[in-house]
C-alpha atoms as a PDB file:
ATOM      1  CA  MET A   1       1.238  21.375 -15.128  1.00  0.00           C
ATOM      2  CA  GLU A   2       1.950  24.473 -13.252  1.00  0.00           C
ATOM      3  CA  SER A   3       5.493  23.543 -12.452  1.00  0.00           C
ATOM      4  CA  ALA A   4       6.050  22.708 -16.219  1.00  0.00           C
ATOM      5  CA  ARG A   5       4.893  25.985 -17.123  1.00  0.00           C
ATOM      6  CA  ARG A   6       6.891  27.960 -14.621  1.00  0.00           C
ATOM      7  CA  GLU A   7      10.140  25.957 -16.182  1.00  0.00           C
ATOM      8  CA  LEU A   8       9.026  27.012 -19.579  1.00  0.00           C
ATOM      9  CA  ALA A   9       8.511  30.685 -18.817  1.00  0.00           C
ATOM     10  CA  ALA A  10      12.301  30.380 -17.385  1.00  0.00           C
ATOM     11  CA  GLY A  11      13.275  29.527 -20.881  1.00  0.00           C
ATOM     12  CA  LYS A  12      13.884  25.883 -20.235  1.00  0.00           C
ATOM     13  CA  LYS A  13      12.772  22.630 -21.984  1.00  0.00           C
ATOM     14  CA  GLY A  14      11.592  19.579 -20.837  1.00  0.00           C
ATOM     15  CA  ARG A  15       9.348  16.582 -20.199  1.00  0.00           C
ATOM     16  CA  LEU A  16       5.656  16.266 -18.285  1.00  0.00           C
ATOM     17  CA  LEU A  17       5.059  12.584 -18.130  1.00  0.00           C
ATOM     18  CA  CYS A  18       2.529  10.007 -16.423  1.00  0.00           C
ATOM     19  CA  PHE A  19       2.001   6.212 -16.665  1.00  0.00           C
ATOM     20  CA  ASN A  20      -1.918   6.384 -17.425  1.00  0.00           C
ATOM     21  CA  ARG A  21      -2.990   6.453 -20.957  1.00  0.00           C
ATOM     22  CA  LEU A  22      -6.263   8.646 -20.160  1.00  0.00           C
ATOM     23  CA  LEU A  23      -4.439  10.802 -17.888  1.00  0.00           C
ATOM     24  CA  GLY A  24      -1.590  11.323 -20.604  1.00  0.00           C
ATOM     25  CA  LYS A  25      -4.372  12.420 -23.036  1.00  0.00           C
ATOM     26  CA  ARG A  26      -5.637  14.747 -20.746  1.00  0.00           C
ATOM     27  CA  LEU A  27      -2.491  16.490 -19.956  1.00  0.00           C
ATOM     28  CA  SER A  28      -1.554  16.218 -23.700  1.00  0.00           C
ATOM     29  CA  ALA A  29      -4.783  18.446 -24.422  1.00  0.00           C
ATOM     30  CA  ASP A  30      -4.527  21.098 -21.553  1.00  0.00           C
ATOM     31  CA  MET A  31      -0.966  21.356 -22.242  1.00  0.00           C
ATOM     32  CA  THR A  32      -0.972  21.679 -26.071  1.00  0.00           C
ATOM     33  CA  ASN A  33       1.274  24.280 -28.361  1.00  0.00           C
ATOM     34  CA  LEU A  34       3.683  24.970 -25.385  1.00  0.00           C
ATOM     35  CA  ASN A  35       7.043  25.352 -27.577  1.00  0.00           C
ATOM     36  CA  GLY A  36       9.846  23.251 -25.506  1.00  0.00           C
ATOM     37  CA  LEU A  37       7.418  20.636 -23.699  1.00  0.00           C
ATOM     38  CA  THR A  38       7.090  16.951 -24.569  1.00  0.00           C
ATOM     39  CA  VAL A  39       4.087  15.777 -22.707  1.00  0.00           C
ATOM     40  CA  GLY A  40       2.229  12.741 -22.895  1.00  0.00           C
ATOM     41  CA  THR A  41       2.618   9.076 -21.209  1.00  0.00           C
ATOM     42  CA  PHE A  42       5.892   7.656 -20.101  1.00  0.00           C
ATOM     43  CA  HIS A  43       5.482   4.674 -22.675  1.00  0.00           C
ATOM     44  CA  ARG A  44       4.540   6.865 -25.534  1.00  0.00           C
ATOM     45  CA  GLU A  45       7.722   9.044 -25.000  1.00  0.00           C
ATOM     46  CA  LEU A  46       9.704   5.514 -25.048  1.00  0.00           C
ATOM     47  CA  LEU A  47       8.070   4.562 -28.115  1.00  0.00           C
ATOM     48  CA  ARG A  48       9.124   8.113 -29.560  1.00  0.00           C
ATOM     49  CA  LEU A  49      12.788   7.774 -28.665  1.00  0.00           C
ATOM     50  CA  ALA A  50      12.948   4.232 -30.004  1.00  0.00           C
ATOM     51  CA  GLY A  51      11.442   5.468 -33.511  1.00  0.00           C
ATOM     52  CA  LEU A  52       8.506   3.751 -33.363  1.00  0.00           C
ATOM     53  CA  THR A  53       4.719   4.953 -34.046  1.00  0.00           C
ATOM     54  CA  ARG A  54       3.104   2.282 -32.353  1.00  0.00           C
ATOM     55  CA  PRO A  55       3.590  -0.906 -30.397  1.00  0.00           C
ATOM     56  CA  PRO A  56       3.814  -4.270 -32.347  1.00  0.00           C
ATOM     57  CA  ASP A  57       0.522  -6.024 -32.159  1.00  0.00           C
ATOM     58  CA  ASN A  58      -0.044  -8.148 -28.844  1.00  0.00           C
ATOM     59  CA  PRO A  59       3.385  -7.289 -27.644  1.00  0.00           C
ATOM     60  CA  ARG A  60       4.622  -9.239 -24.719  1.00  0.00           C
ATOM     61  CA  SER A  61       5.151  -7.663 -21.354  1.00  0.00           C
ATOM     62  CA  GLN A  62       8.862  -7.984 -21.984  1.00  0.00           C
ATOM     63  CA  PHE A  63       8.664  -5.654 -25.105  1.00  0.00           C
ATOM     64  CA  TRP A  64       7.098  -3.012 -22.366  1.00  0.00           C
ATOM     65  CA  SER A  65       9.799  -4.037 -19.254  1.00  0.00           C
ATOM     66  CA  ARG A  66      13.021  -4.665 -21.155  1.00  0.00           C
ATOM     67  CA  GLU A  67      12.889  -4.314 -25.172  1.00  0.00           C
ATOM     68  CA  LEU A  68      11.501  -0.837 -25.333  1.00  0.00           C
ATOM     69  CA  PRO A  69      13.656   0.610 -22.466  1.00  0.00           C
ATOM     70  CA  GLU A  70      16.696  -0.720 -23.978  1.00  0.00           C
ATOM     71  CA  ARG A  71      15.978   0.829 -27.265  1.00  0.00           C
ATOM     72  CA  ALA A  72      15.000   4.200 -25.786  1.00  0.00           C
ATOM     73  CA  ILE A  73      18.413   4.150 -23.854  1.00  0.00           C
ATOM     74  CA  GLU A  74      20.084   3.525 -27.087  1.00  0.00           C
ATOM     75  CA  SER A  75      18.642   6.539 -28.573  1.00  0.00           C
ATOM     76  CA  LEU A  76      19.272   8.568 -25.577  1.00  0.00           C
ATOM     77  CA  ILE A  77      22.911   7.865 -25.601  1.00  0.00           C
ATOM     78  CA  ASN A  78      23.532   8.122 -29.189  1.00  0.00           C
ATOM     79  CA  GLY A  79      21.334  11.360 -29.608  1.00  0.00           C
ATOM     80  CA  GLY A  80      23.315  13.182 -26.896  1.00  0.00           C
ATOM     81  CA  ASN A  81      21.956  16.926 -25.979  1.00  0.00           C
ATOM     82  CA  ALA A  82      19.381  16.688 -28.858  1.00  0.00           C
ATOM     83  CA  PHE A  83      17.131  14.355 -26.198  1.00  0.00           C
ATOM     84  CA  LEU A  84      18.299  16.004 -23.101  1.00  0.00           C
ATOM     85  CA  SER A  85      15.809  17.859 -21.119  1.00  0.00           C
ATOM     86  CA  ASP A  86      16.447  20.650 -18.676  1.00  0.00           C
ATOM     87  CA  PHE A  87      13.860  19.444 -16.259  1.00  0.00           C
ATOM     88  CA  LEU A  88      11.537  16.472 -15.911  1.00  0.00           C
ATOM     89  CA  VAL A  89       8.149  16.221 -14.403  1.00  0.00           C
ATOM     90  CA  VAL A  90       6.599  12.826 -13.657  1.00  0.00           C
ATOM     91  CA  ASP A  91       3.077  12.063 -12.186  1.00  0.00           C
ATOM     92  CA  GLU A  92       2.394   8.405 -11.037  1.00  0.00           C
ATOM     93  CA  VAL A  93       5.868   7.671 -10.575  1.00  0.00           C
ATOM     94  CA  GLN A  94       4.934   4.805  -8.237  1.00  0.00           C
ATOM     95  CA  ASP A  95       3.801   2.838 -11.529  1.00  0.00           C
ATOM     96  CA  ILE A  96       7.228   3.350 -13.612  1.00  0.00           C
ATOM     97  CA  ALA A  97       9.699   3.198 -10.715  1.00  0.00           C
ATOM     98  CA  THR A  98      11.443   0.061 -12.009  1.00  0.00           C
ATOM     99  CA  ASP A  99      15.530  -0.220 -12.701  1.00  0.00           C
ATOM    100  CA  GLN A 100      14.895  -0.318 -16.377  1.00  0.00           C
ATOM    101  CA  TYR A 101      12.387   2.965 -16.402  1.00  0.00           C
ATOM    102  CA  LEU A 102      14.572   4.751 -13.843  1.00  0.00           C
ATOM    103  CA  ASP A 103      17.718   4.252 -16.391  1.00  0.00           C
ATOM    104  CA  VAL A 104      15.758   6.017 -19.159  1.00  0.00           C
ATOM    105  CA  LEU A 105      14.544   8.609 -16.918  1.00  0.00           C
ATOM    106  CA  ASP A 106      18.334   9.150 -15.589  1.00  0.00           C
ATOM    107  CA  LEU A 107      19.046   9.773 -19.255  1.00  0.00           C
ATOM    108  CA  MET A 108      16.499  11.980 -20.200  1.00  0.00           C
ATOM    109  CA  ILE A 109      17.548  14.887 -17.895  1.00  0.00           C
ATOM    110  CA  ALA A 110      20.526  16.997 -17.568  1.00  0.00           C
ATOM    111  CA  GLY A 111      22.520  16.004 -14.611  1.00  0.00           C
ATOM    112  CA  GLY A 112      20.507  12.789 -14.248  1.00  0.00           C
ATOM    113  CA  LEU A 113      18.450  12.060 -11.484  1.00  0.00           C
ATOM    114  CA  LYS A 114      20.875  12.551  -9.100  1.00  0.00           C
ATOM    115  CA  GLU A 115      21.707  16.326  -9.784  1.00  0.00           C
ATOM    116  CA  GLY A 116      19.154  17.306 -12.527  1.00  0.00           C
ATOM    117  CA  ARG A 117      15.746  19.435 -11.753  1.00  0.00           C
ATOM    118  CA  VAL A 118      13.323  16.722 -11.364  1.00  0.00           C
ATOM    119  CA  LEU A 119       9.969  17.038  -9.568  1.00  0.00           C
ATOM    120  CA  LEU A 120       8.194  13.438  -8.798  1.00  0.00           C
ATOM    121  CA  PHE A 121       4.750  12.857  -7.795  1.00  0.00           C
ATOM    122  CA  GLY A 122       3.649   9.525  -6.325  1.00  0.00           C
ATOM    123  CA  ASP A 123       1.472   7.435  -3.980  1.00  0.00           C
ATOM    124  CA  PHE A 124       3.326   4.657  -2.683  1.00  0.00           C
ATOM    125  CA  GLU A 125       0.916   3.781   0.067  1.00  0.00           C
ATOM    126  CA  ARG A 126      -2.738   3.252  -1.752  1.00  0.00           C
ATOM    127  CA  GLN A 127      -1.920   3.774  -5.506  1.00  0.00           C
ATOM    128  CA  ALA A 128       0.899   1.614  -6.168  1.00  0.00           C
ATOM    129  CA  ILE A 129      -1.467  -0.990  -7.673  1.00  0.00           C
ATOM    130  CA  TYR A 130       0.724  -2.440 -10.261  1.00  0.00           C
ATOM    131  CA  GLU A 131       3.047  -4.704  -8.047  1.00  0.00           C
ATOM    132  CA  ASN A 132       6.160  -2.136  -7.333  1.00  0.00           C
ATOM    133  CA  ALA A 133       6.653  -2.635  -3.645  1.00  0.00           C
ATOM    134  CA  THR A 134      10.118  -1.086  -3.556  1.00  0.00           C
ATOM    135  CA  GLY A 135       9.817   1.630  -6.055  1.00  0.00           C
ATOM    136  CA  ARG A 136      10.252   4.738  -3.347  1.00  0.00           C
ATOM    137  CA  GLU A 137      13.415   2.723  -2.168  1.00  0.00           C
ATOM    138  CA  ARG A 138      14.614   2.406  -6.042  1.00  0.00           C
ATOM    139  CA  ILE A 139      14.237   6.223  -6.399  1.00  0.00           C
ATOM    140  CA  ARG A 140      15.747   7.108  -3.061  1.00  0.00           C
ATOM    141  CA  ALA A 141      18.989   5.128  -4.230  1.00  0.00           C
ATOM    142  CA  ARG A 142      18.902   6.965  -7.562  1.00  0.00           C
ATOM    143  CA  ALA A 143      18.215  10.409  -6.182  1.00  0.00           C
ATOM    144  CA  PRO A 144      19.871  10.590  -2.548  1.00  0.00           C
ATOM    145  CA  PHE A 145      19.586  14.517  -2.351  1.00  0.00           C
ATOM    146  CA  MET A 146      16.123  14.904  -3.361  1.00  0.00           C
ATOM    147  CA  THR A 147      13.766  16.433  -0.980  1.00  0.00           C
ATOM    148  CA  SER A 148      10.734  14.749  -0.104  1.00  0.00           C
ATOM    149  CA  HIS A 149       7.384  16.110   0.980  1.00  0.00           C
ATOM    150  CA  LYS A 150       4.227  14.229   1.943  1.00  0.00           C
ATOM    151  CA  LEU A 151       0.770  15.621   0.964  1.00  0.00           C
ATOM    152  CA  ILE A 152      -1.876  15.136   3.718  1.00  0.00           C
ATOM    153  CA  TYR A 153      -3.885  17.673   2.844  1.00  0.00           C
ATOM    154  CA  ASN A 154      -6.910  16.519   0.756  1.00  0.00           C
ATOM    155  CA  CYS A 155      -7.441  19.009  -2.229  1.00  0.00           C
ATOM    156  CA  ARG A 156      -9.907  16.955  -4.108  1.00  0.00           C
ATOM    157  CA  ASN A 157     -12.619  15.483  -2.163  1.00  0.00           C
ATOM    158  CA  LEU A 158     -15.511  17.152  -0.343  1.00  0.00           C
ATOM    159  CA  PRO A 159     -14.923  16.243   3.597  1.00  0.00           C
ATOM    160  CA  ARG A 160     -17.487  13.490   3.725  1.00  0.00           C
ATOM    161  CA  ILE A 161     -16.090  11.653   0.936  1.00  0.00           C
ATOM    162  CA  GLY A 162     -12.543  11.854   2.292  1.00  0.00           C
ATOM    163  CA  TYR A 163     -13.971  10.685   5.717  1.00  0.00           C
ATOM    164  CA  GLN A 164     -15.613   7.827   4.232  1.00  0.00           C
ATOM    165  CA  VAL A 165     -12.402   6.924   2.297  1.00  0.00           C
ATOM    166  CA  ASN A 166     -10.433   6.876   5.799  1.00  0.00           C
ATOM    167  CA  VAL A 167     -12.719   4.111   7.100  1.00  0.00           C
ATOM    168  CA  LEU A 168     -13.355   1.915   4.074  1.00  0.00           C
ATOM    169  CA  SER A 169      -9.756   1.580   2.580  1.00  0.00           C
ATOM    170  CA  ARG A 170      -8.036   1.511   5.744  1.00  0.00           C
ATOM    171  CA  LEU A 171      -5.829   4.828   5.667  1.00  0.00           C
ATOM    172  CA  HIS A 172      -3.810   5.613   8.799  1.00  0.00           C
ATOM    173  CA  PRO A 173      -3.906   7.980   9.889  1.00  0.00           C
ATOM    174  CA  GLY A 174      -5.977   9.276   6.961  1.00  0.00           C
ATOM    175  CA  TYR A 175      -7.155  12.782   5.754  1.00  0.00           C
ATOM    176  CA  GLN A 176      -7.366  15.154   8.447  1.00  0.00           C
ATOM    177  CA  GLN A 177      -7.803  18.383   6.447  1.00  0.00           C
ATOM    178  CA  PHE A 178      -9.608  19.563   3.473  1.00  0.00           C
ATOM    179  CA  ARG A 179      -9.192  22.300   1.140  1.00  0.00           C
ATOM    180  CA  ARG A 180     -13.023  22.229   0.204  1.00  0.00           C
ATOM    181  CA  ASP A 181     -15.773  23.448   2.727  1.00  0.00           C
ATOM    182  CA  ASP A 182     -18.142  20.557   3.398  1.00  0.00           C
ATOM    183  CA  ASP A 183     -21.792  20.849   1.805  1.00  0.00           C
ATOM    184  CA  GLY A 184     -23.453  18.673   4.384  1.00  0.00           C
ATOM    185  CA  ILE A 185     -24.170  15.709   1.824  1.00  0.00           C
ATOM    186  CA  ASP A 186     -23.066  12.118   2.638  1.00  0.00           C
ATOM    187  CA  PRO A 187     -21.679   9.653   0.056  1.00  0.00           C
ATOM    188  CA  VAL A 188     -24.064   6.862  -0.642  1.00  0.00           C
ATOM    189  CA  PHE A 189     -23.411   2.924  -0.261  1.00  0.00           C
ATOM    190  CA  HIS A 190     -25.954   0.630  -1.949  1.00  0.00           C
ATOM    191  CA  GLN A 191     -25.242  -2.995  -0.637  1.00  0.00           C
ATOM    192  CA  TYR A 192     -26.060  -5.906  -2.973  1.00  0.00           C
ATOM    193  CA  GLN A 193     -25.808  -9.750  -2.798  1.00  0.00           C
ATOM    194  CA  ALA A 194     -22.953 -11.535  -4.467  1.00  0.00           C
ATOM    195  CA  GLY A 195     -24.083 -12.245  -8.031  1.00  0.00           C
ATOM    196  CA  GLN A 196     -26.837  -9.760  -7.831  1.00  0.00           C
ATOM    197  CA  ASN A 197     -27.474  -7.839 -11.087  1.00  0.00           C
ATOM    198  CA  GLN A 198     -26.532  -4.303 -10.622  1.00  0.00           C
ATOM    199  CA  SER A 199     -28.296  -2.745 -13.527  1.00  0.00           C
ATOM    200  CA  PRO A 200     -31.243  -1.489 -11.395  1.00  0.00           C
ATOM    201  CA  LEU A 201     -29.445  -0.060  -8.958  1.00  0.00           C
ATOM    202  CA  LEU A 202     -26.713   1.627 -11.431  1.00  0.00           C
ATOM    203  CA  ASN A 203     -29.924   2.765 -13.318  1.00  0.00           C
ATOM    204  CA  ALA A 204     -31.301   4.291  -9.880  1.00  0.00           C
ATOM    205  CA  ALA A 205     -27.968   5.745  -9.198  1.00  0.00           C
ATOM    206  CA  ILE A 206     -27.690   8.034 -12.348  1.00  0.00           C
ATOM    207  CA  ARG A 207     -31.238   9.087 -12.092  1.00  0.00           C
ATOM    208  CA  ARG A 208     -30.850  10.162  -8.434  1.00  0.00           C
ATOM    209  CA  LEU A 209     -27.728  12.167  -9.645  1.00  0.00           C
ATOM    210  CA  LYS A 210     -29.851  13.662 -12.589  1.00  0.00           C
ATOM    211  CA  ASP A 211     -32.445  14.725  -9.990  1.00  0.00           C
ATOM    212  CA  GLU A 212     -29.876  16.686  -8.037  1.00  0.00           C
ATOM    213  CA  GLY A 213     -28.914  18.616 -11.129  1.00  0.00           C
ATOM    214  CA  TYR A 214     -26.253  16.727 -12.672  1.00  0.00           C
ATOM    215  CA  GLU A 215     -25.722  16.353 -16.412  1.00  0.00           C
ATOM    216  CA  LEU A 216     -25.608  12.797 -17.540  1.00  0.00           C
ATOM    217  CA  ASN A 217     -22.020  13.832 -19.207  1.00  0.00           C
ATOM    218  CA  GLU A 218     -21.067  14.934 -15.503  1.00  0.00           C
ATOM    219  CA  ILE A 219     -21.241  11.583 -14.099  1.00  0.00           C
ATOM    220  CA  VAL A 220     -18.628   8.847 -14.608  1.00  0.00           C
ATOM    221  CA  ILE A 221     -18.784   5.176 -13.774  1.00  0.00           C
ATOM    222  CA  LEU A 222     -15.902   3.099 -12.424  1.00  0.00           C
ATOM    223  CA  SER A 223     -15.488  -0.647 -11.640  1.00  0.00           C
ATOM    224  CA  PRO A 224     -12.459  -2.874 -11.016  1.00  0.00           C
ATOM    225  CA  TYR A 225     -13.154  -4.374 -14.302  1.00  0.00           C
ATOM    226  CA  GLN A 226     -13.332  -3.018 -17.655  1.00  0.00           C
ATOM    227  CA  ASP A 227     -14.928  -5.618 -20.144  1.00  0.00           C
ATOM    228  CA  THR A 228     -16.852  -7.474 -17.481  1.00  0.00           C
ATOM    229  CA  SER A 229     -18.167  -4.416 -15.436  1.00  0.00           C
ATOM    230  CA  THR A 230     -21.851  -3.742 -14.684  1.00  0.00           C
ATOM    231  CA  ALA A 231     -21.722  -0.737 -17.194  1.00  0.00           C
ATOM    232  CA  ALA A 232     -20.024  -2.653 -20.014  1.00  0.00           C
ATOM    233  CA  THR A 233     -22.385  -5.913 -19.689  1.00  0.00           C
ATOM    234  CA  THR A 234     -25.763  -4.308 -18.776  1.00  0.00           C
ATOM    235  CA  GLU A 235     -28.869  -5.580 -20.914  1.00  0.00           C
ATOM    236  CA  ASP A 236     -30.910  -2.247 -19.659  1.00  0.00           C
ATOM    237  CA  PRO A 237     -32.064  -0.582 -22.575  1.00  0.00           C
ATOM    238  CA  TRP A 238     -31.573   3.018 -21.140  1.00  0.00           C
ATOM    239  CA  LEU A 239     -28.281   2.236 -19.788  1.00  0.00           C
ATOM    240  CA  ARG A 240     -27.264   0.809 -22.912  1.00  0.00           C
ATOM    241  CA  GLN A 241     -28.732   4.047 -24.714  1.00  0.00           C
ATOM    242  CA  ILE A 242     -26.601   6.223 -22.599  1.00  0.00           C
ATOM    243  CA  LEU A 243     -23.497   4.502 -21.714  1.00  0.00           C
ATOM    244  CA  GLN A 244     -20.078   4.795 -23.795  1.00  0.00           C
ATOM    245  CA  PRO A 245     -16.514   4.065 -22.641  1.00  0.00           C
ATOM    246  CA  VAL A 246     -13.980   6.861 -21.425  1.00  0.00           C
ATOM    247  CA  ASP A 247     -11.810   7.682 -24.278  1.00  0.00           C
ATOM    248  CA  GLY A 248      -9.935  10.678 -22.745  1.00  0.00           C
ATOM    249  CA  LEU A 249     -12.299  13.281 -24.332  1.00  0.00           C
ATOM    250  CA  PRO A 250     -15.074  14.738 -22.457  1.00  0.00           C
ATOM    251  CA  ALA A 251     -18.555  12.788 -22.596  1.00  0.00           C
ATOM    252  CA  ARG A 252     -20.748  13.896 -25.329  1.00  0.00           C
ATOM    253  CA  PRO A 253     -24.302  15.875 -23.606  1.00  0.00           C
ATOM    254  CA  GLY A 254     -26.756  12.895 -22.991  1.00  0.00           C
ATOM    255  CA  HIS A 255     -24.075  10.425 -22.814  1.00  0.00           C
ATOM    256  CA  THR A 256     -22.397   8.914 -19.544  1.00  0.00           C
ATOM    257  CA  GLN A 257     -19.019   7.581 -19.737  1.00  0.00           C
ATOM    258  CA  TYR A 258     -17.696   4.336 -17.610  1.00  0.00           C
ATOM    259  CA  SER A 259     -14.227   2.989 -17.365  1.00  0.00           C
ATOM    260  CA  SER A 260     -12.099   0.646 -15.050  1.00  0.00           C
ATOM    261  CA  ILE A 261     -10.568   1.998 -12.181  1.00  0.00           C
ATOM    262  CA  HIS A 262      -6.979   1.373 -13.050  1.00  0.00           C
ATOM    263  CA  ALA A 263      -7.927   3.355 -16.254  1.00  0.00           C
ATOM    264  CA  PHE A 264      -8.951   6.284 -14.676  1.00  0.00           C
ATOM    265  CA  LYS A 265      -6.383   6.541 -12.241  1.00  0.00           C
ATOM    266  CA  GLY A 266      -4.971  10.214 -12.102  1.00  0.00           C
ATOM    267  CA  LEU A 267      -8.389  11.897 -13.446  1.00  0.00           C
ATOM    268  CA  GLU A 268     -11.947  12.938 -11.304  1.00  0.00           C
ATOM    269  CA  ALA A 269     -15.324  13.914 -12.124  1.00  0.00           C
ATOM    270  CA  SER A 270     -17.852  16.036 -10.289  1.00  0.00           C
ATOM    271  CA  ALA A 271     -19.959  12.764  -9.846  1.00  0.00           C
ATOM    272  CA  ILE A 272     -18.787   9.185  -9.649  1.00  0.00           C
ATOM    273  CA  ILE A 273     -20.434   5.861  -9.397  1.00  0.00           C
ATOM    274  CA  VAL A 274     -18.560   2.889  -8.388  1.00  0.00           C
ATOM    275  CA  THR A 275     -19.965  -0.514  -9.243  1.00  0.00           C
ATOM    276  CA  ASP A 276     -18.809  -4.155  -8.506  1.00  0.00           C
ATOM    277  CA  LEU A 277     -17.205  -3.831  -5.409  1.00  0.00           C
ATOM    278  CA  ASP A 278     -16.684  -7.331  -4.150  1.00  0.00           C
ATOM    279  CA  GLN A 279     -13.609  -8.210  -2.468  1.00  0.00           C
ATOM    280  CA  ALA A 280     -14.071 -12.089  -2.727  1.00  0.00           C
ATOM    281  CA  ALA A 281     -14.538 -11.464  -6.412  1.00  0.00           C
ATOM    282  CA  ALA A 282     -11.549  -8.993  -6.857  1.00  0.00           C
ATOM    283  CA  ALA A 283      -7.656  -9.248  -7.661  1.00  0.00           C
ATOM    284  CA  ASP A 284      -5.025  -8.307  -5.391  1.00  0.00           C
ATOM    285  CA  HIS A 285      -4.590  -4.796  -3.745  1.00  0.00           C
ATOM    286  CA  PHE A 286      -8.512  -4.400  -3.401  1.00  0.00           C
ATOM    287  CA  ASP A 287      -7.936  -1.720  -0.822  1.00  0.00           C
ATOM    288  CA  SER A 288      -6.043   0.471  -3.113  1.00  0.00           C
ATOM    289  CA  VAL A 289      -8.187  -0.190  -5.849  1.00  0.00           C
ATOM    290  CA  LEU A 290     -11.180   0.777  -3.560  1.00  0.00           C
ATOM    291  CA  TYR A 291      -9.177   3.775  -2.500  1.00  0.00           C
ATOM    292  CA  VAL A 292      -8.542   5.000  -6.094  1.00  0.00           C
ATOM    293  CA  GLY A 293     -12.092   4.540  -7.228  1.00  0.00           C
ATOM    294  CA  LEU A 294     -13.823   6.223  -4.348  1.00  0.00           C
ATOM    295  CA  THR A 295     -11.447   9.203  -4.302  1.00  0.00           C
ATOM    296  CA  ARG A 296     -11.942   9.757  -7.913  1.00  0.00           C
ATOM    297  CA  ALA A 297     -15.517  11.975  -7.004  1.00  0.00           C
ATOM    298  CA  THR A 298     -15.054  15.761  -6.300  1.00  0.00           C
ATOM    299  CA  ASP A 299     -18.510  16.173  -5.182  1.00  0.00           C
ATOM    300  CA  ARG A 300     -20.839  13.307  -5.344  1.00  0.00           C
ATOM    301  CA  LEU A 301     -20.005   9.658  -4.604  1.00  0.00           C
ATOM    302  CA  ILE A 302     -22.364   6.521  -4.905  1.00  0.00           C
ATOM    303  CA  ALA A 303     -20.981   3.257  -4.556  1.00  0.00           C
ATOM    304  CA  LEU A 304     -22.428  -0.143  -4.950  1.00  0.00           C
ATOM    305  CA  ILE A 305     -20.641  -2.687  -2.837  1.00  0.00           C
ATOM    306  CA  GLU A 306     -21.338  -6.348  -2.014  1.00  0.00           C
ATOM    307  CA  LYS A 307     -22.770  -6.682   1.636  1.00  0.00           C
ATOM    308  CA  THR A 308     -19.826  -8.973   3.076  1.00  0.00           C
ATOM    309  CA  THR A 309     -17.011  -6.616   1.717  1.00  0.00           C
ATOM    310  CA  PHE A 310     -18.621  -3.638   3.062  1.00  0.00           C
ATOM    311  CA  ARG A 311     -19.269  -5.051   6.406  1.00  0.00           C
ATOM    312  CA  LYS A 312     -15.454  -6.383   6.674  1.00  0.00           C
ATOM    313  CA  ALA A 313     -14.545  -3.063   5.854  1.00  0.00           C
ATOM    314  CA  LEU A 314     -16.172  -1.268   8.548  1.00  0.00           C
ATOM    315  CA  VAL A 315     -15.368  -4.072  11.242  1.00  0.00           C
ATOM    316  CA  GLY A 316     -11.655  -3.973  10.126  1.00  0.00           C
ATOM    317  CA  ASN A 317     -11.430  -0.298  10.967  1.00  0.00           C
ATOM    318  CA  ARG A 318     -12.921  -0.677  14.692  1.00  0.00           C
END
């Protein structure tokens, strides 16, 4: 956001794009009414370029991966300078670094990816959770002169959260420096048996954070799952009263939001509770999903993790 603001202050026009819908909504809200800036998700920009207000009902995967990029490319070629940006800033680039999408980005920017003013942010080690193992190499092939810098300084988490992430998600070498000072409070990991109802643990975790002084709307519950998560399926009367899905807007007072880890990627909250951490029942990339979930917490982290999963995570790092 700061980079885009500096470009705008210099009289340039451009785009600030990301992958995740909720993050795009947040960026749009934070960067509203700035002349010369197009901000939102990459796919929303593809729809705009293609002249579509919304995707078709129940679109096939091919619509997003091939049909929509082709229509956007046609518009960029036919539109000439009208659709050309002076600068391009992309977050979560690891999730859109495919040949088809890079073709679109190449046409968006004056000078293309090779010679244009381009700033890309991506985590190809622990946040490439959408099966794109060759994304970094594809970008290097398109932009061989682009300088690359590795961020090893943790700017979000308190140190004790970061150190636990090092261990449990197998980061090597892991975070060594932190921007924030330690407050002496450790993350909390509650172990449960596979198949156990986690609602009582979730209830207790929220009440614990309330006792520490957190408002309900400062807490976010994350899970590897969306519709089948503990928060979405709980029958606990109090939880059903206070829980609501994340919609990209601030939670109302008296309510706690919940989301899948995938959908919340790129965002953060003061207090995070992660549920349903069972590697045996999870899909691929469990280490990456675990990393993303745990690192959303800026100040307080409580995780409900299956006993065998927790033990394997600890043993695997000895």
